[in-house]
Amino acid sequence: MKRVTVLTGMAFAGAAVVGAVAARGPLKAHLSEGTLPGRFGSWLNSYLNGPSYRLMAAALAPTPEDEVLDVACGWGEFLLSYANQARLVAGIDVSKKKVALARQRLAARIAGGTAEVVQGDAGTLPWVEATFTAVTCMDAFPFFSAPDRVVAEVFRVLRPGGRMLMQIGMRWPDGPPKHMPHPVSPLAGDEVASRRLVEDAGFREVTITYGRVGGENRLGNAVSRWTAGSDELRLVGAVKPG
């Protein structure tokens, strides 16, 4: 589920519009996929997910020597705003419209040969082995039909010594809540299973940390507890052996 924090100005207006029409078929379908449509919807997603992006960036600590792939990149917010210091950035998303927006936003880097955004399946990454030094994935894990295949593909495209950082579920002591708007893999609520998933793919030096959905925003965290059953994201990091 997309995380929620305090909304002000345009974000509040956008949320009101979304709430007013959420029952309509097309928007409801987008929500079930964990995304909002269009440029404004993408902006609103990025606004709401700002704290989680910052958590990911702090944990990954991209450097100018990195070549970073963001799986399920949406309109490219993480690559543009949080990994922009990397030598090369790349993204993949299943949505053609989101990919088109990401390409527009990263147009200057794409023209300069330091960025690439493709439309495709996270379970079949279109890059050769050992292409990237770092791979991230946020907000998409519950929607993967074969998460083990995605993690295996991430392992394949990483260079030896490369690092992976994925948001895999939340801290749910009693398991994911039943009212979630999409299927949630059992391992998303299980720290042991999350660790086993990445270790079975070949990763080592696995770390599991948690961070608040709304950062320091108490209201945002409270809303997340109410809507998603938790206000703590699980970040799973690991290294491909050299």
Protein backbone atom coordinates (compact mmCIF):
# COMPACT_ATOMS: atom_id res chain seq x y z
CA MET A 1 0.00 0.00 0.00
CA LYS A 2 1.20 3.52 -0.73
CA ARG A 3 2.23 5.32 2.43
CA VAL A 4 0.52 8.48 3.60
CA THR A 5 1.92 11.56 5.28
CA VAL A 6 0.56 15.04 6.00
CA LEU A 7 -0.94 16.69 2.93
CA THR A 8 -0.83 20.42 2.35
CA GLY A 9 -1.64 22.74 -0.53
CA MET A 10 -1.82 20.94 -3.87
CA ALA A 11 -1.29 17.56 -2.24
CA PHE A 12 -4.37 18.01 -0.08
CA ALA A 13 -6.42 19.10 -3.08
CA GLY A 14 -5.17 16.14 -5.08
CA ALA A 15 -6.01 13.73 -2.28
CA ALA A 16 -9.52 15.16 -2.11
CA VAL A 17 -10.00 14.60 -5.83
CA VAL A 18 -8.63 11.07 -5.57
CA GLY A 19 -10.93 10.29 -2.67
CA ALA A 20 -13.96 11.65 -4.48
CA VAL A 21 -13.51 9.41 -7.51
CA ALA A 22 -11.77 6.39 -5.99
CA ALA A 23 -14.78 4.18 -6.61
CA ARG A 24 -14.53 4.67 -10.38
CA GLY A 25 -13.19 1.72 -12.32
CA PRO A 26 -10.00 3.11 -13.95
CA LEU A 27 -8.70 4.82 -10.80
CA LYS A 28 -9.65 1.87 -8.63
CA ALA A 29 -7.58 -0.35 -10.92
CA HIS A 30 -4.57 1.96 -10.51
CA LEU A 31 -4.94 1.93 -6.74
CA SER A 32 -5.04 -1.86 -6.73
CA GLU A 33 -1.67 -1.74 -8.52
CA GLY A 34 -0.24 0.62 -5.90
CA THR A 35 -0.01 3.68 -8.12
CA LEU A 36 -1.91 6.78 -9.17
CA PRO A 37 -2.33 7.69 -12.85
CA GLY A 38 -0.91 10.59 -14.81
CA ARG A 39 1.66 13.26 -14.07
CA PHE A 40 -0.15 14.64 -11.05
CA GLY A 41 -0.78 11.17 -9.66
CA SER A 42 2.92 10.38 -10.06
CA TRP A 43 3.84 13.61 -8.30
CA LEU A 44 1.45 12.80 -5.47
CA ASN A 45 2.93 9.30 -5.15
CA SER A 46 6.39 10.85 -4.88
CA TYR A 47 5.23 13.40 -2.33
CA LEU A 48 3.65 10.76 -0.13
CA ASN A 49 6.64 8.45 -0.44
CA GLY A 50 9.27 11.10 0.26
CA PRO A 51 10.21 9.70 3.71
CA SER A 52 10.69 6.18 2.33
CA TYR A 53 12.80 7.48 -0.57
CA ARG A 54 15.01 9.29 1.92
CA LEU A 55 15.35 6.14 4.02
CA MET A 56 16.40 4.18 0.95
CA ALA A 57 18.88 6.83 -0.16
CA ALA A 58 20.46 7.02 3.30
CA ALA A 59 20.80 3.22 3.48
CA LEU A 60 22.15 2.84 -0.06
CA ALA A 61 24.40 5.95 0.03
CA PRO A 62 24.88 6.26 -3.77
CA THR A 63 28.28 7.59 -4.87
CA PRO A 64 29.54 9.20 -8.09
CA GLU A 65 31.11 5.83 -8.97
CA ASP A 66 27.82 3.94 -8.81
CA GLU A 67 25.69 2.65 -11.64
CA VAL A 68 22.22 2.33 -10.16
CA LEU A 69 19.15 0.42 -11.34
CA ASP A 70 15.76 1.15 -9.81
CA VAL A 71 13.30 -1.70 -10.35
CA ALA A 72 9.66 -0.54 -10.67
CA CYS A 73 10.94 3.01 -11.03
CA GLY A 74 7.62 4.71 -11.76
CA TRP A 75 8.24 8.17 -13.17
CA GLY A 76 11.87 8.08 -12.03
CA GLU A 77 11.68 10.06 -8.79
CA PHE A 78 14.34 8.07 -6.94
CA LEU A 79 16.78 8.19 -9.85
CA LEU A 80 16.24 11.90 -10.44
CA SER A 81 16.13 13.21 -6.89
CA TYR A 82 18.00 10.70 -4.73
CA ALA A 83 20.53 8.90 -6.95
CA ASN A 84 21.35 11.76 -9.31
CA GLN A 85 25.00 11.78 -8.22
CA ALA A 86 25.54 8.28 -9.64
CA ARG A 87 27.60 7.95 -12.81
CA LEU A 88 24.79 6.02 -14.51
CA VAL A 89 21.13 5.55 -13.58
CA ALA A 90 18.63 3.15 -15.10
CA GLY A 91 15.02 2.27 -14.43
CA ILE A 92 12.46 -0.32 -15.45
CA ASP A 93 8.71 -0.24 -14.97
CA VAL A 94 5.82 -2.30 -16.27
CA SER A 95 3.77 0.83 -17.06
CA LYS A 96 4.41 2.40 -20.48
CA LYS A 97 2.95 5.70 -19.29
CA LYS A 98 5.20 5.86 -16.24
CA VAL A 99 8.21 5.01 -18.39
CA ALA A 100 7.29 7.83 -20.80
CA LEU A 101 7.14 10.28 -17.88
CA ALA A 102 10.45 9.04 -16.49
CA ARG A 103 12.11 9.47 -19.88
CA GLN A 104 10.83 13.05 -20.07
CA ARG A 105 12.16 13.86 -16.62
CA LEU A 106 15.54 12.24 -17.30
CA ALA A 107 15.77 13.49 -20.89
CA ALA A 108 19.01 15.44 -20.39
CA ARG A 109 20.82 12.47 -18.85
CA ILE A 110 19.41 10.07 -21.44
CA ALA A 111 20.67 12.36 -24.20
CA GLY A 112 24.07 12.41 -22.52
CA GLY A 113 24.22 8.63 -22.30
CA THR A 114 24.15 8.45 -18.49
CA ALA A 115 20.55 7.28 -18.03
CA GLU A 116 18.22 4.67 -19.45
CA VAL A 117 14.56 3.86 -18.73
CA VAL A 118 12.85 0.81 -20.22
CA GLN A 119 9.39 -0.71 -20.10
CA GLY A 120 9.41 -4.33 -19.03
CA ASP A 121 8.98 -7.10 -16.47
CA ALA A 122 11.04 -7.05 -13.29
CA GLY A 123 11.30 -10.82 -13.55
CA THR A 124 13.15 -10.59 -16.87
CA LEU A 125 15.57 -7.67 -16.66
CA PRO A 126 16.88 -6.65 -20.11
CA TRP A 127 20.51 -6.15 -19.08
CA VAL A 128 23.49 -8.46 -19.27
CA GLU A 129 25.13 -9.93 -16.20
CA ALA A 130 27.17 -7.68 -13.92
CA THR A 131 25.88 -4.37 -15.31
CA PHE A 132 25.18 -2.41 -12.11
CA THR A 133 26.87 -1.66 -8.80
CA ALA A 134 23.58 -1.09 -6.96
CA VAL A 135 19.95 -2.09 -7.43
CA THR A 136 16.96 -0.71 -5.54
CA CYS A 137 13.28 -1.58 -5.43
CA MET A 138 10.61 0.32 -3.53
CA ASP A 139 6.87 0.04 -3.18
CA ALA A 140 6.51 -2.82 -5.65
CA PHE A 141 7.33 -6.08 -3.92
CA PRO A 142 3.73 -7.04 -3.05
CA PHE A 143 2.82 -6.87 -6.74
CA PHE A 144 5.45 -9.31 -8.04
CA SER A 145 3.88 -12.64 -9.01
CA ALA A 146 7.26 -14.40 -8.68
CA PRO A 147 9.38 -12.46 -6.16
CA ASP A 148 12.09 -15.13 -6.11
CA ARG A 149 12.61 -14.65 -9.86
CA VAL A 150 12.87 -10.87 -9.41
CA VAL A 151 15.51 -11.24 -6.70
CA ALA A 152 17.41 -13.74 -8.85
CA GLU A 153 17.40 -11.26 -11.73
CA VAL A 154 18.64 -8.50 -9.44
CA PHE A 155 21.49 -10.79 -8.38
CA ARG A 156 22.33 -11.55 -12.02
CA VAL A 157 22.62 -7.92 -13.17
CA LEU A 158 24.70 -6.85 -10.16
CA ARG A 159 28.48 -6.87 -10.33
CA PRO A 160 30.43 -8.87 -7.76
CA GLY A 161 30.54 -6.72 -4.66
CA GLY A 162 27.41 -4.86 -5.78
CA ARG A 163 24.69 -4.13 -3.30
CA MET A 164 20.95 -4.61 -3.33
CA LEU A 165 18.37 -2.72 -1.28
CA MET A 166 14.70 -3.65 -1.46
CA GLN A 167 11.68 -2.67 0.55
CA ILE A 168 10.10 -6.03 1.39
CA GLY A 169 6.92 -5.63 3.40
CA MET A 170 6.49 -3.96 6.76
CA ARG A 171 6.71 -4.86 10.42
CA TRP A 172 3.44 -6.77 10.88
CA PRO A 173 3.61 -8.74 14.17
CA ASP A 174 0.34 -10.50 13.33
CA GLY A 175 0.78 -10.67 9.54
CA PRO A 176 -0.51 -8.30 6.83
CA PRO A 177 -3.99 -6.89 7.51
CA LYS A 178 -6.82 -8.51 5.60
CA HIS A 179 -8.12 -5.22 4.18
CA MET A 180 -5.05 -4.60 1.99
CA PRO A 181 -6.19 -3.67 -1.58
CA HIS A 182 -3.91 -6.24 -3.23
CA PRO A 183 -2.53 -9.70 -2.46
CA VAL A 184 0.43 -9.65 -0.09
CA SER A 185 3.01 -12.42 -0.15
CA PRO A 186 3.27 -14.18 3.21
CA LEU A 187 7.00 -13.49 3.30
CA ALA A 188 6.30 -9.74 3.17
CA GLY A 189 5.31 -9.93 6.81
CA ASP A 190 8.02 -12.41 7.80
CA GLU A 191 11.56 -11.24 8.51
CA VAL A 192 13.00 -14.76 8.46
CA ALA A 193 11.42 -15.53 5.08
CA SER A 194 12.61 -12.20 3.67
CA ARG A 195 16.18 -13.03 4.67
CA ARG A 196 15.91 -16.53 3.24
CA LEU A 197 14.59 -15.17 -0.06
CA VAL A 198 17.68 -13.06 -0.74
CA GLU A 199 20.12 -15.64 0.63
CA ASP A 200 18.65 -18.34 -1.61
CA ALA A 201 19.34 -16.08 -4.59
CA GLY A 202 23.03 -16.05 -3.63
CA PHE A 203 23.29 -12.79 -1.67
CA ARG A 204 25.38 -12.49 1.47
CA GLU A 205 25.88 -9.86 4.20
CA VAL A 206 22.11 -9.55 4.53
CA THR A 207 20.87 -6.72 6.71
CA ILE A 208 17.31 -5.97 7.77
CA THR A 209 16.38 -2.56 9.12
CA TYR A 210 13.16 -0.70 9.73
CA GLY A 211 12.16 2.91 9.23
CA ARG A 212 9.08 4.98 9.86
CA VAL A 213 6.73 5.42 6.92
CA GLY A 214 6.18 9.09 7.67
CA GLY A 215 9.63 9.87 8.99
CA GLU A 216 9.20 12.28 11.91
CA ASN A 217 5.61 13.02 10.97
CA ARG A 218 3.38 11.58 13.69
CA LEU A 219 0.16 12.07 11.76
CA GLY A 220 1.57 10.33 8.69
CA ASN A 221 2.67 7.38 10.81
CA ALA A 222 -0.70 7.22 12.53
CA VAL A 223 -2.52 7.17 9.19
CA SER A 224 -0.22 4.39 7.98
CA ARG A 225 -0.99 2.31 11.06
CA TRP A 226 -4.70 2.80 10.41
CA THR A 227 -4.62 2.07 6.67
CA ALA A 228 -1.76 -0.42 6.32
CA GLY A 229 -1.59 -1.97 9.76
CA SER A 230 1.96 -0.72 10.38
CA ASP A 231 4.09 2.41 10.22
CA GLU A 232 7.43 0.60 9.83
CA LEU A 233 8.92 -0.30 6.45
CA ARG A 234 11.29 -3.24 6.18
CA LEU A 235 14.46 -2.53 4.18
CA VAL A 236 16.42 -5.62 3.15
CA GLY A 237 19.98 -4.99 2.03
CA ALA A 238 22.55 -7.48 0.77
CA VAL A 239 25.78 -7.83 -1.20
CA LYS A 240 26.63 -10.03 -4.17
CA PRO A 241 29.78 -11.97 -3.25
CA GLY A 242 32.92 -10.82 -5.03
